[in-house]
Amino acid sequence: MKRLFSLTLIFIAFLSPVEALCLEGRLKGFSDLSVDFTNQETRSVSVPLGSQDNLTADTFFALLDEQEVVITEIYPFEILPNRFWSGPLSAEAFGKVEIGTRVVRVTLGPDEQRGIVDEFRARAAALRGAMMRRQRDRLKLSLAELEEEILYLGNVLRKYRRDRIDLQVRLKEERQYVSSRLERINDRLDRARDDLDDLEDDRDDLLEERRKLASRTEPPESRIERLDEKIAILNRELDDLRQDIRVLREERREAREDAERRSILKLSTELENLSLDESRVRIDLDQRQSEKDQILKKLERLEKRD
């Protein structure tokens, strides 16, 4: 067994540095590793592991290009079940990495390890700062857009309120106009009925007088003829008054229907629709204001993290 181990060490001594690293990784449990995901935003890579690989945070690896040349060294920045993510690579190194890039375990000295860890942490801090700045810029842009929407919706809401008040005034005036119009028609109807009653009384008086004259032994024909003329005139006037009353009743009916169908009903419908629009705008405005408050809280948290 000792002889076999000695022969293995002699064999490793004659290999190239990369071949020796790969063989060392296989001997220590890490073999056939490769990149399966990359993250453009964080410039990091994901490496899946076998079930037998015992990974710790101080285990270091190297990424190899197609010519087996080391691109860069990495270490587990985030360890997950059956895989790990590296820390941020340099832009130059990340540009050379692709899905399937080989990954081998390497053994480095303490100073090299600290140097790599410090570089990764510095890049991570720089990326984190850049990401926070981008996030802050996006939030500020969203905040500016929301403030414009809030201003616009506020103006729309105020216009709707003015329009609603104007419609309420117009509806009130229209109802007052219709009421006044109907009142005038009813007054004319009352006067026409009074005139009708008076004319009927006058005619009845003339008819009674004619009856008495006609009942005499010698009726005065000339007086009866004059009474007949007066009665005929009154009957024509009564017919005209009855026609006027029918016209006034029809005018009153049309006024009521016209008010309901054209003016009052139309204005009431407009007012109802406007109130619904106003309610929807108010809901949208409240929602935008809530979104604005959330963004302000996020910006406040970002400022505290700085």
C-alpha atoms as a PDB file:
ATOM      1  CA  MET A   1       0.000   0.000   0.000  1.00  0.00           C
ATOM      2  CA  LYS A   2       2.868   2.392   0.868  1.00  0.00           C
ATOM      3  CA  ARG A   3       4.552   1.419  -2.413  1.00  0.00           C
ATOM      4  CA  LEU A   4       1.372   2.330  -4.350  1.00  0.00           C
ATOM      5  CA  PHE A   5       1.113   5.726  -2.607  1.00  0.00           C
ATOM      6  CA  SER A   6       4.788   6.468  -3.354  1.00  0.00           C
ATOM      7  CA  LEU A   7       4.298   5.610  -7.044  1.00  0.00           C
ATOM      8  CA  THR A   8       1.278   7.978  -7.126  1.00  0.00           C
ATOM      9  CA  LEU A   9       3.328  10.883  -5.735  1.00  0.00           C
ATOM     10  CA  ILE A  10       6.094  10.215  -8.263  1.00  0.00           C
ATOM     11  CA  PHE A  11       3.485  10.211 -11.090  1.00  0.00           C
ATOM     12  CA  ILE A  12       2.007  13.536  -9.915  1.00  0.00           C
ATOM     13  CA  ALA A  13       5.459  15.098  -9.867  1.00  0.00           C
ATOM     14  CA  PHE A  14       5.825  14.577 -13.647  1.00  0.00           C
ATOM     15  CA  LEU A  15       2.395  16.133 -14.488  1.00  0.00           C
ATOM     16  CA  SER A  16       1.788  19.746 -15.604  1.00  0.00           C
ATOM     17  CA  PRO A  17       0.528  22.093 -12.845  1.00  0.00           C
ATOM     18  CA  VAL A  18      -3.065  21.974 -14.206  1.00  0.00           C
ATOM     19  CA  GLU A  19      -3.015  18.198 -14.600  1.00  0.00           C
ATOM     20  CA  ALA A  20      -1.647  17.879 -11.088  1.00  0.00           C
ATOM     21  CA  LEU A  21      -4.471  20.136  -9.740  1.00  0.00           C
ATOM     22  CA  CYS A  22      -7.144  18.089 -11.541  1.00  0.00           C
ATOM     23  CA  LEU A  23      -5.723  14.815 -10.277  1.00  0.00           C
ATOM     24  CA  GLU A  24      -5.487  16.224  -6.758  1.00  0.00           C
ATOM     25  CA  GLY A  25      -9.157  17.240  -6.920  1.00  0.00           C
ATOM     26  CA  ARG A  26     -10.188  13.747  -8.045  1.00  0.00           C
ATOM     27  CA  LEU A  27      -8.111  12.147  -5.304  1.00  0.00           C
ATOM     28  CA  LYS A  28      -9.783  14.380  -2.696  1.00  0.00           C
ATOM     29  CA  GLY A  29     -13.342  13.727  -3.860  1.00  0.00           C
ATOM     30  CA  PHE A  30     -14.028  16.648  -6.248  1.00  0.00           C
ATOM     31  CA  SER A  31     -14.129  15.461  -9.852  1.00  0.00           C
ATOM     32  CA  ASP A  32     -15.883  16.294 -13.117  1.00  0.00           C
ATOM     33  CA  LEU A  33     -17.032  19.695 -11.865  1.00  0.00           C
ATOM     34  CA  SER A  34     -18.249  22.412 -14.238  1.00  0.00           C
ATOM     35  CA  VAL A  35     -20.210  25.652 -14.249  1.00  0.00           C
ATOM     36  CA  ASP A  36     -23.944  25.128 -14.799  1.00  0.00           C
ATOM     37  CA  PHE A  37     -25.284  28.677 -14.201  1.00  0.00           C
ATOM     38  CA  THR A  38     -23.934  32.214 -14.382  1.00  0.00           C
ATOM     39  CA  ASN A  39     -25.369  35.416 -12.910  1.00  0.00           C
ATOM     40  CA  GLN A  40     -24.705  38.424 -15.104  1.00  0.00           C
ATOM     41  CA  GLU A  41     -25.733  40.946 -12.453  1.00  0.00           C
ATOM     42  CA  THR A  42     -23.477  39.608  -9.679  1.00  0.00           C
ATOM     43  CA  ARG A  43     -20.800  38.186 -12.068  1.00  0.00           C
ATOM     44  CA  SER A  44     -20.896  34.900 -10.128  1.00  0.00           C
ATOM     45  CA  VAL A  45     -21.017  31.246 -11.196  1.00  0.00           C
ATOM     46  CA  SER A  46     -22.816  28.172  -9.863  1.00  0.00           C
ATOM     47  CA  VAL A  47     -21.057  24.815  -9.515  1.00  0.00           C
ATOM     48  CA  PRO A  48     -23.042  21.613  -8.796  1.00  0.00           C
ATOM     49  CA  LEU A  49     -21.426  19.091  -6.438  1.00  0.00           C
ATOM     50  CA  GLY A  50     -21.562  15.346  -6.040  1.00  0.00           C
ATOM     51  CA  SER A  51     -23.156  13.778  -3.011  1.00  0.00           C
ATOM     52  CA  GLN A  52     -19.741  12.646  -1.701  1.00  0.00           C
ATOM     53  CA  ASP A  53     -18.036  16.047  -1.968  1.00  0.00           C
ATOM     54  CA  ASN A  54     -17.298  17.489   1.459  1.00  0.00           C
ATOM     55  CA  LEU A  55     -17.362  21.238   0.836  1.00  0.00           C
ATOM     56  CA  THR A  56     -16.252  23.915   3.309  1.00  0.00           C
ATOM     57  CA  ALA A  57     -15.874  27.660   2.971  1.00  0.00           C
ATOM     58  CA  ASP A  58     -12.067  27.379   2.817  1.00  0.00           C
ATOM     59  CA  THR A  59     -12.097  25.012  -0.161  1.00  0.00           C
ATOM     60  CA  PHE A  60     -10.683  26.732  -3.241  1.00  0.00           C
ATOM     61  CA  PHE A  61     -11.220  25.961  -6.916  1.00  0.00           C
ATOM     62  CA  ALA A  62      -9.924  27.114 -10.276  1.00  0.00           C
ATOM     63  CA  LEU A  63     -11.897  27.782 -13.479  1.00  0.00           C
ATOM     64  CA  LEU A  64     -10.182  26.414 -16.605  1.00  0.00           C
ATOM     65  CA  ASP A  65     -10.663  27.543 -20.194  1.00  0.00           C
ATOM     66  CA  GLU A  66     -10.683  25.189 -23.204  1.00  0.00           C
ATOM     67  CA  GLN A  67      -6.875  25.166 -23.288  1.00  0.00           C
ATOM     68  CA  GLU A  68      -6.787  24.097 -19.606  1.00  0.00           C
ATOM     69  CA  VAL A  69      -5.441  27.515 -18.637  1.00  0.00           C
ATOM     70  CA  VAL A  70      -6.575  28.866 -15.265  1.00  0.00           C
ATOM     71  CA  ILE A  71      -9.060  31.718 -15.759  1.00  0.00           C
ATOM     72  CA  THR A  72      -9.316  32.583 -12.069  1.00  0.00           C
ATOM     73  CA  GLU A  73      -9.528  31.001  -8.651  1.00  0.00           C
ATOM     74  CA  ILE A  74     -12.824  30.917  -6.754  1.00  0.00           C
ATOM     75  CA  TYR A  75     -14.138  29.762  -3.401  1.00  0.00           C
ATOM     76  CA  PRO A  76     -17.639  28.976  -2.068  1.00  0.00           C
ATOM     77  CA  PHE A  77     -19.190  32.387  -1.424  1.00  0.00           C
ATOM     78  CA  GLU A  78     -22.631  30.835  -0.836  1.00  0.00           C
ATOM     79  CA  ILE A  79     -23.017  27.123  -0.059  1.00  0.00           C
ATOM     80  CA  LEU A  80     -26.332  25.467  -0.979  1.00  0.00           C
ATOM     81  CA  PRO A  81     -27.452  21.822  -0.973  1.00  0.00           C
ATOM     82  CA  ASN A  82     -25.448  20.014  -3.709  1.00  0.00           C
ATOM     83  CA  ARG A  83     -23.990  23.219  -5.161  1.00  0.00           C
ATOM     84  CA  PHE A  84     -22.206  26.469  -4.362  1.00  0.00           C
ATOM     85  CA  TRP A  85     -22.072  29.962  -5.810  1.00  0.00           C
ATOM     86  CA  SER A  86     -18.820  31.824  -6.192  1.00  0.00           C
ATOM     87  CA  GLY A  87     -18.277  35.405  -5.223  1.00  0.00           C
ATOM     88  CA  PRO A  88     -18.133  38.146  -7.874  1.00  0.00           C
ATOM     89  CA  LEU A  89     -15.516  37.488 -10.574  1.00  0.00           C
ATOM     90  CA  SER A  90     -13.598  40.264 -12.265  1.00  0.00           C
ATOM     91  CA  ALA A  91     -15.231  41.517 -15.438  1.00  0.00           C
ATOM     92  CA  GLU A  92     -12.395  40.091 -17.529  1.00  0.00           C
ATOM     93  CA  ALA A  93     -12.604  36.647 -15.897  1.00  0.00           C
ATOM     94  CA  PHE A  94     -16.397  36.530 -16.047  1.00  0.00           C
ATOM     95  CA  GLY A  95     -16.253  37.299 -19.760  1.00  0.00           C
ATOM     96  CA  LYS A  96     -14.263  34.087 -20.321  1.00  0.00           C
ATOM     97  CA  VAL A  97     -16.651  31.841 -18.360  1.00  0.00           C
ATOM     98  CA  GLU A  98     -19.529  29.997 -19.970  1.00  0.00           C
ATOM     99  CA  ILE A  99     -21.847  27.126 -19.118  1.00  0.00           C
ATOM    100  CA  GLY A 100     -19.713  23.985 -18.976  1.00  0.00           C
ATOM    101  CA  THR A 101     -16.462  25.691 -17.971  1.00  0.00           C
ATOM    102  CA  ARG A 102     -14.380  23.158 -16.049  1.00  0.00           C
ATOM    103  CA  VAL A 103     -13.874  23.588 -12.321  1.00  0.00           C
ATOM    104  CA  VAL A 104     -11.044  21.893 -10.384  1.00  0.00           C
ATOM    105  CA  ARG A 105     -10.083  22.015  -6.751  1.00  0.00           C
ATOM    106  CA  VAL A 106      -6.782  23.705  -5.910  1.00  0.00           C
ATOM    107  CA  THR A 107      -4.584  23.951  -2.825  1.00  0.00           C
ATOM    108  CA  LEU A 108      -3.358  27.443  -2.020  1.00  0.00           C
ATOM    109  CA  GLY A 109      -1.230  28.923   0.710  1.00  0.00           C
ATOM    110  CA  PRO A 110      -2.723  31.067   3.455  1.00  0.00           C
ATOM    111  CA  ASP A 111      -1.545  34.333   1.875  1.00  0.00           C
ATOM    112  CA  GLU A 112      -3.002  33.387  -1.517  1.00  0.00           C
ATOM    113  CA  GLN A 113      -6.277  32.389   0.095  1.00  0.00           C
ATOM    114  CA  ARG A 114      -6.544  35.687   2.012  1.00  0.00           C
ATOM    115  CA  GLY A 115      -5.719  37.622  -1.152  1.00  0.00           C
ATOM    116  CA  ILE A 116      -8.445  35.866  -3.149  1.00  0.00           C
ATOM    117  CA  VAL A 117     -10.993  36.243  -0.345  1.00  0.00           C
ATOM    118  CA  ASP A 118     -10.149  39.952   0.042  1.00  0.00           C
ATOM    119  CA  GLU A 119     -10.507  40.505  -3.709  1.00  0.00           C
ATOM    120  CA  PHE A 120     -13.876  38.764  -3.793  1.00  0.00           C
ATOM    121  CA  ARG A 121     -15.128  40.659  -0.772  1.00  0.00           C
ATOM    122  CA  ALA A 122     -14.009  43.978  -2.234  1.00  0.00           C
ATOM    123  CA  ARG A 123     -15.728  43.203  -5.541  1.00  0.00           C
ATOM    124  CA  ALA A 124     -18.827  42.033  -3.645  1.00  0.00           C
ATOM    125  CA  ALA A 125     -18.914  45.281  -1.673  1.00  0.00           C
ATOM    126  CA  ALA A 126     -18.473  47.310  -4.863  1.00  0.00           C
ATOM    127  CA  LEU A 127     -21.191  45.345  -6.656  1.00  0.00           C
ATOM    128  CA  ARG A 128     -23.485  45.610  -3.657  1.00  0.00           C
ATOM    129  CA  GLY A 129     -22.955  49.365  -3.594  1.00  0.00           C
ATOM    130  CA  ALA A 130     -23.579  49.601  -7.345  1.00  0.00           C
ATOM    131  CA  MET A 131     -26.704  47.438  -7.035  1.00  0.00           C
ATOM    132  CA  MET A 132     -27.962  49.616  -4.180  1.00  0.00           C
ATOM    133  CA  ARG A 133     -27.321  52.739  -6.248  1.00  0.00           C
ATOM    134  CA  ARG A 134     -29.169  51.219  -9.212  1.00  0.00           C
ATOM    135  CA  GLN A 135     -32.003  50.162  -6.918  1.00  0.00           C
ATOM    136  CA  ARG A 136     -32.112  53.646  -5.408  1.00  0.00           C
ATOM    137  CA  ASP A 137     -32.117  55.213  -8.888  1.00  0.00           C
ATOM    138  CA  ARG A 138     -34.957  52.887  -9.988  1.00  0.00           C
ATOM    139  CA  LEU A 139     -36.925  53.731  -6.861  1.00  0.00           C
ATOM    140  CA  LYS A 140     -36.388  57.461  -7.386  1.00  0.00           C
ATOM    141  CA  LEU A 141     -37.488  57.129 -11.010  1.00  0.00           C
ATOM    142  CA  SER A 142     -40.595  55.197  -9.911  1.00  0.00           C
ATOM    143  CA  LEU A 143     -41.195  57.824  -7.235  1.00  0.00           C
ATOM    144  CA  ALA A 144     -41.006  60.641  -9.792  1.00  0.00           C
ATOM    145  CA  GLU A 145     -43.414  58.793 -12.105  1.00  0.00           C
ATOM    146  CA  LEU A 146     -45.810  58.166  -9.212  1.00  0.00           C
ATOM    147  CA  GLU A 147     -45.685  61.815  -8.171  1.00  0.00           C
ATOM    148  CA  GLU A 148     -46.595  62.814 -11.742  1.00  0.00           C
ATOM    149  CA  GLU A 149     -49.494  60.333 -11.712  1.00  0.00           C
ATOM    150  CA  ILE A 150     -50.608  61.569  -8.287  1.00  0.00           C
ATOM    151  CA  LEU A 151     -50.517  65.174  -9.516  1.00  0.00           C
ATOM    152  CA  TYR A 152     -52.459  64.240 -12.668  1.00  0.00           C
ATOM    153  CA  LEU A 153     -55.041  62.170 -10.763  1.00  0.00           C
ATOM    154  CA  GLY A 154     -55.394  64.961  -8.209  1.00  0.00           C
ATOM    155  CA  ASN A 155     -56.174  67.444 -10.992  1.00  0.00           C
ATOM    156  CA  VAL A 156     -58.647  64.990 -12.555  1.00  0.00           C
ATOM    157  CA  LEU A 157     -60.310  64.445  -9.179  1.00  0.00           C
ATOM    158  CA  ARG A 158     -60.633  68.187  -8.584  1.00  0.00           C
ATOM    159  CA  LYS A 159     -62.133  68.637 -12.077  1.00  0.00           C
ATOM    160  CA  TYR A 160     -64.621  65.835 -11.406  1.00  0.00           C
ATOM    161  CA  ARG A 161     -65.596  67.492  -8.143  1.00  0.00           C
ATOM    162  CA  ARG A 162     -66.175  70.836  -9.883  1.00  0.00           C
ATOM    163  CA  ASP A 163     -68.156  69.128 -12.640  1.00  0.00           C
ATOM    164  CA  ARG A 164     -70.208  67.239 -10.068  1.00  0.00           C
ATOM    165  CA  ILE A 165     -71.022  70.441  -8.200  1.00  0.00           C
ATOM    166  CA  ASP A 166     -71.958  72.140 -11.494  1.00  0.00           C
ATOM    167  CA  LEU A 167     -74.225  69.223 -12.406  1.00  0.00           C
ATOM    168  CA  GLN A 168     -75.857  69.298  -8.988  1.00  0.00           C
ATOM    169  CA  VAL A 169     -76.546  73.017  -9.429  1.00  0.00           C
ATOM    170  CA  ARG A 170     -77.898  72.462 -12.967  1.00  0.00           C
ATOM    171  CA  LEU A 171     -80.073  69.595 -11.771  1.00  0.00           C
ATOM    172  CA  LYS A 172     -81.447  71.723  -8.963  1.00  0.00           C
ATOM    173  CA  GLU A 173     -82.119  74.599 -11.354  1.00  0.00           C
ATOM    174  CA  GLU A 174     -83.746  72.247 -13.873  1.00  0.00           C
ATOM    175  CA  ARG A 175     -86.017  70.821 -11.204  1.00  0.00           C
ATOM    176  CA  GLN A 176     -86.913  74.324 -10.079  1.00  0.00           C
ATOM    177  CA  TYR A 177     -87.614  75.298 -13.698  1.00  0.00           C
ATOM    178  CA  VAL A 178     -89.804  72.239 -14.265  1.00  0.00           C
ATOM    179  CA  SER A 179     -91.599  72.875 -10.994  1.00  0.00           C
ATOM    180  CA  SER A 180     -92.157  76.514 -11.906  1.00  0.00           C
ATOM    181  CA  ARG A 181     -93.341  75.568 -15.407  1.00  0.00           C
ATOM    182  CA  LEU A 182     -95.780  73.028 -14.010  1.00  0.00           C
ATOM    183  CA  GLU A 183     -96.957  75.561 -11.455  1.00  0.00           C
ATOM    184  CA  ARG A 184     -97.691  78.093 -14.215  1.00  0.00           C
ATOM    185  CA  ILE A 185     -99.602  75.470 -16.223  1.00  0.00           C
ATOM    186  CA  ASN A 186    -101.589  74.469 -13.147  1.00  0.00           C
ATOM    187  CA  ASP A 187    -102.398  78.128 -12.458  1.00  0.00           C
ATOM    188  CA  ARG A 188    -103.685  78.519 -16.010  1.00  0.00           C
ATOM    189  CA  LEU A 189    -105.683  75.325 -15.588  1.00  0.00           C
ATOM    190  CA  ASP A 190    -107.210  76.598 -12.358  1.00  0.00           C
ATOM    191  CA  ARG A 191    -108.150  79.905 -13.964  1.00  0.00           C
ATOM    192  CA  ALA A 192    -109.605  78.086 -16.993  1.00  0.00           C
ATOM    193  CA  ARG A 193    -111.675  75.842 -14.726  1.00  0.00           C
ATOM    194  CA  ASP A 194    -112.874  78.880 -12.762  1.00  0.00           C
ATOM    195  CA  ASP A 195    -113.801  80.636 -16.010  1.00  0.00           C
ATOM    196  CA  LEU A 196    -115.531  77.460 -17.154  1.00  0.00           C
ATOM    197  CA  ASP A 197    -117.550  77.318 -13.955  1.00  0.00           C
ATOM    198  CA  ASP A 198    -118.480  81.006 -14.251  1.00  0.00           C
ATOM    199  CA  LEU A 199    -119.536  80.652 -17.896  1.00  0.00           C
ATOM    200  CA  GLU A 200    -121.561  77.542 -17.122  1.00  0.00           C
ATOM    201  CA  ASP A 201    -123.296  79.457 -14.292  1.00  0.00           C
ATOM    202  CA  ASP A 202    -124.024  82.372 -16.673  1.00  0.00           C
ATOM    203  CA  ARG A 203    -125.335  80.015 -19.317  1.00  0.00           C
ATOM    204  CA  ASP A 204    -127.485  78.143 -16.772  1.00  0.00           C
ATOM    205  CA  ASP A 205    -128.941  81.455 -15.616  1.00  0.00           C
ATOM    206  CA  LEU A 206    -129.793  82.354 -19.207  1.00  0.00           C
ATOM    207  CA  LEU A 207    -131.313  78.935 -19.785  1.00  0.00           C
ATOM    208  CA  GLU A 208    -133.433  79.321 -16.649  1.00  0.00           C
ATOM    209  CA  GLU A 209    -134.559  82.770 -17.753  1.00  0.00           C
ATOM    210  CA  ARG A 210    -135.416  81.474 -21.238  1.00  0.00           C
ATOM    211  CA  ARG A 211    -137.378  78.587 -19.720  1.00  0.00           C
ATOM    212  CA  LYS A 212    -139.445  80.994 -17.671  1.00  0.00           C
ATOM    213  CA  LEU A 213    -140.085  83.260 -20.668  1.00  0.00           C
ATOM    214  CA  ALA A 214    -140.994  80.318 -22.861  1.00  0.00           C
ATOM    215  CA  SER A 215    -143.501  79.094 -20.248  1.00  0.00           C
ATOM    216  CA  ARG A 216    -145.602  82.262 -20.476  1.00  0.00           C
ATOM    217  CA  THR A 217    -148.933  82.263 -22.247  1.00  0.00           C
ATOM    218  CA  GLU A 218    -147.570  84.739 -24.745  1.00  0.00           C
ATOM    219  CA  PRO A 219    -143.767  84.248 -24.841  1.00  0.00           C
ATOM    220  CA  PRO A 220    -141.761  87.345 -25.855  1.00  0.00           C
ATOM    221  CA  GLU A 221    -140.112  85.987 -28.996  1.00  0.00           C
ATOM    222  CA  SER A 222    -137.641  88.832 -29.421  1.00  0.00           C
ATOM    223  CA  ARG A 223    -136.266  88.430 -25.875  1.00  0.00           C
ATOM    224  CA  ILE A 224    -136.088  84.667 -26.287  1.00  0.00           C
ATOM    225  CA  GLU A 225    -134.153  85.125 -29.545  1.00  0.00           C
ATOM    226  CA  ARG A 226    -131.677  87.465 -27.841  1.00  0.00           C
ATOM    227  CA  LEU A 227    -131.282  84.938 -25.014  1.00  0.00           C
ATOM    228  CA  ASP A 228    -130.652  82.159 -27.542  1.00  0.00           C
ATOM    229  CA  GLU A 229    -127.925  84.244 -29.161  1.00  0.00           C
ATOM    230  CA  LYS A 230    -126.274  84.867 -25.788  1.00  0.00           C
ATOM    231  CA  ILE A 231    -126.566  81.171 -24.884  1.00  0.00           C
ATOM    232  CA  ALA A 232    -125.036  80.197 -28.232  1.00  0.00           C
ATOM    233  CA  ILE A 233    -122.136  82.593 -27.639  1.00  0.00           C
ATOM    234  CA  LEU A 234    -121.571  81.166 -24.151  1.00  0.00           C
ATOM    235  CA  ASN A 235    -121.650  77.612 -25.494  1.00  0.00           C
ATOM    236  CA  ARG A 236    -118.977  78.516 -28.047  1.00  0.00           C
ATOM    237  CA  GLU A 237    -116.897  80.118 -25.296  1.00  0.00           C
ATOM    238  CA  LEU A 238    -117.386  77.019 -23.144  1.00  0.00           C
ATOM    239  CA  ASP A 239    -116.249  74.815 -26.024  1.00  0.00           C
ATOM    240  CA  ASP A 240    -113.146  76.991 -26.449  1.00  0.00           C
ATOM    241  CA  LEU A 241    -112.417  76.825 -22.718  1.00  0.00           C
ATOM    242  CA  ARG A 242    -112.815  73.061 -22.650  1.00  0.00           C
ATOM    243  CA  GLN A 243    -110.378  72.842 -25.587  1.00  0.00           C
ATOM    244  CA  ASP A 244    -107.935  75.135 -23.748  1.00  0.00           C
ATOM    245  CA  ILE A 245    -108.172  72.892 -20.686  1.00  0.00           C
ATOM    246  CA  ARG A 246    -107.467  69.807 -22.785  1.00  0.00           C
ATOM    247  CA  VAL A 247    -104.423  71.561 -24.327  1.00  0.00           C
ATOM    248  CA  LEU A 248    -103.165  72.637 -20.899  1.00  0.00           C
ATOM    249  CA  ARG A 249    -103.528  69.115 -19.517  1.00  0.00           C
ATOM    250  CA  GLU A 250    -101.566  67.753 -22.486  1.00  0.00           C
ATOM    251  CA  GLU A 251     -98.939  70.467 -22.029  1.00  0.00           C
ATOM    252  CA  ARG A 252     -98.634  69.532 -18.352  1.00  0.00           C
ATOM    253  CA  ARG A 253     -98.254  65.833 -19.202  1.00  0.00           C
ATOM    254  CA  GLU A 254     -95.619  66.604 -21.847  1.00  0.00           C
ATOM    255  CA  ALA A 255     -93.770  68.892 -19.434  1.00  0.00           C
ATOM    256  CA  ARG A 256     -93.566  66.131 -16.852  1.00  0.00           C
ATOM    257  CA  GLU A 257     -92.450  63.517 -19.399  1.00  0.00           C
ATOM    258  CA  ASP A 258     -89.987  65.907 -21.011  1.00  0.00           C
ATOM    259  CA  ALA A 259     -88.486  66.764 -17.649  1.00  0.00           C
ATOM    260  CA  GLU A 260     -88.046  63.131 -16.724  1.00  0.00           C
ATOM    261  CA  ARG A 261     -86.955  61.928 -20.158  1.00  0.00           C
ATOM    262  CA  ARG A 262     -84.730  64.745 -21.419  1.00  0.00           C
ATOM    263  CA  SER A 263     -83.554  67.091 -18.738  1.00  0.00           C
ATOM    264  CA  ILE A 264     -83.781  65.749 -15.209  1.00  0.00           C
ATOM    265  CA  LEU A 265     -83.185  62.128 -16.160  1.00  0.00           C
ATOM    266  CA  LYS A 266     -80.247  63.050 -18.392  1.00  0.00           C
ATOM    267  CA  LEU A 267     -78.635  65.234 -15.761  1.00  0.00           C
ATOM    268  CA  SER A 268     -79.234  62.602 -13.073  1.00  0.00           C
ATOM    269  CA  THR A 269     -77.555  59.951 -15.243  1.00  0.00           C
ATOM    270  CA  GLU A 270     -74.613  62.250 -15.944  1.00  0.00           C
ATOM    271  CA  LEU A 271     -74.282  62.966 -12.246  1.00  0.00           C
ATOM    272  CA  GLU A 272     -74.360  59.264 -11.385  1.00  0.00           C
ATOM    273  CA  ASN A 273     -71.715  58.397 -14.006  1.00  0.00           C
ATOM    274  CA  LEU A 274     -69.547  61.308 -12.916  1.00  0.00           C
ATOM    275  CA  SER A 275     -69.761  60.177  -9.287  1.00  0.00           C
ATOM    276  CA  LEU A 276     -68.642  56.675 -10.333  1.00  0.00           C
ATOM    277  CA  ASP A 277     -65.698  58.118 -12.291  1.00  0.00           C
ATOM    278  CA  GLU A 278     -64.793  60.301  -9.333  1.00  0.00           C
ATOM    279  CA  SER A 279     -64.865  57.261  -7.040  1.00  0.00           C
ATOM    280  CA  ARG A 280     -62.607  55.264  -9.385  1.00  0.00           C
ATOM    281  CA  VAL A 281     -60.104  58.129  -9.629  1.00  0.00           C
ATOM    282  CA  ARG A 282     -60.102  58.476  -5.844  1.00  0.00           C
ATOM    283  CA  ILE A 283     -59.342  54.742  -5.492  1.00  0.00           C
ATOM    284  CA  ASP A 284     -56.503  55.032  -8.058  1.00  0.00           C
ATOM    285  CA  LEU A 285     -55.154  58.089  -6.260  1.00  0.00           C
ATOM    286  CA  ASP A 286     -55.187  56.301  -2.890  1.00  0.00           C
ATOM    287  CA  GLN A 287     -53.404  53.319  -4.460  1.00  0.00           C
ATOM    288  CA  ARG A 288     -50.701  55.535  -6.012  1.00  0.00           C
ATOM    289  CA  GLN A 289     -50.258  57.324  -2.703  1.00  0.00           C
ATOM    290  CA  SER A 290     -49.844  53.955  -0.957  1.00  0.00           C
ATOM    291  CA  GLU A 291     -47.234  52.913  -3.551  1.00  0.00           C
ATOM    292  CA  LYS A 292     -45.431  56.203  -3.011  1.00  0.00           C
ATOM    293  CA  ASP A 293     -45.333  55.622   0.765  1.00  0.00           C
ATOM    294  CA  GLN A 294     -43.887  52.136   0.210  1.00  0.00           C
ATOM    295  CA  ILE A 295     -41.156  53.501  -2.083  1.00  0.00           C
ATOM    296  CA  LEU A 296     -40.291  56.191   0.451  1.00  0.00           C
ATOM    297  CA  LYS A 297     -39.920  53.497   3.126  1.00  0.00           C
ATOM    298  CA  LYS A 298     -37.649  51.447   0.836  1.00  0.00           C
ATOM    299  CA  LEU A 299     -35.508  54.519   0.122  1.00  0.00           C
ATOM    300  CA  GLU A 300     -35.306  55.224   3.848  1.00  0.00           C
ATOM    301  CA  ARG A 301     -34.105  51.655   4.487  1.00  0.00           C
ATOM    302  CA  LEU A 302     -31.498  51.990   1.741  1.00  0.00           C
ATOM    303  CA  GLU A 303     -30.239  55.241   3.247  1.00  0.00           C
ATOM    304  CA  LYS A 304     -29.896  53.542   6.640  1.00  0.00           C
ATOM    305  CA  ARG A 305     -27.946  50.640   5.078  1.00  0.00           C
ATOM    306  CA  ASP A 306     -25.517  53.124   3.545  1.00  0.00           C
END
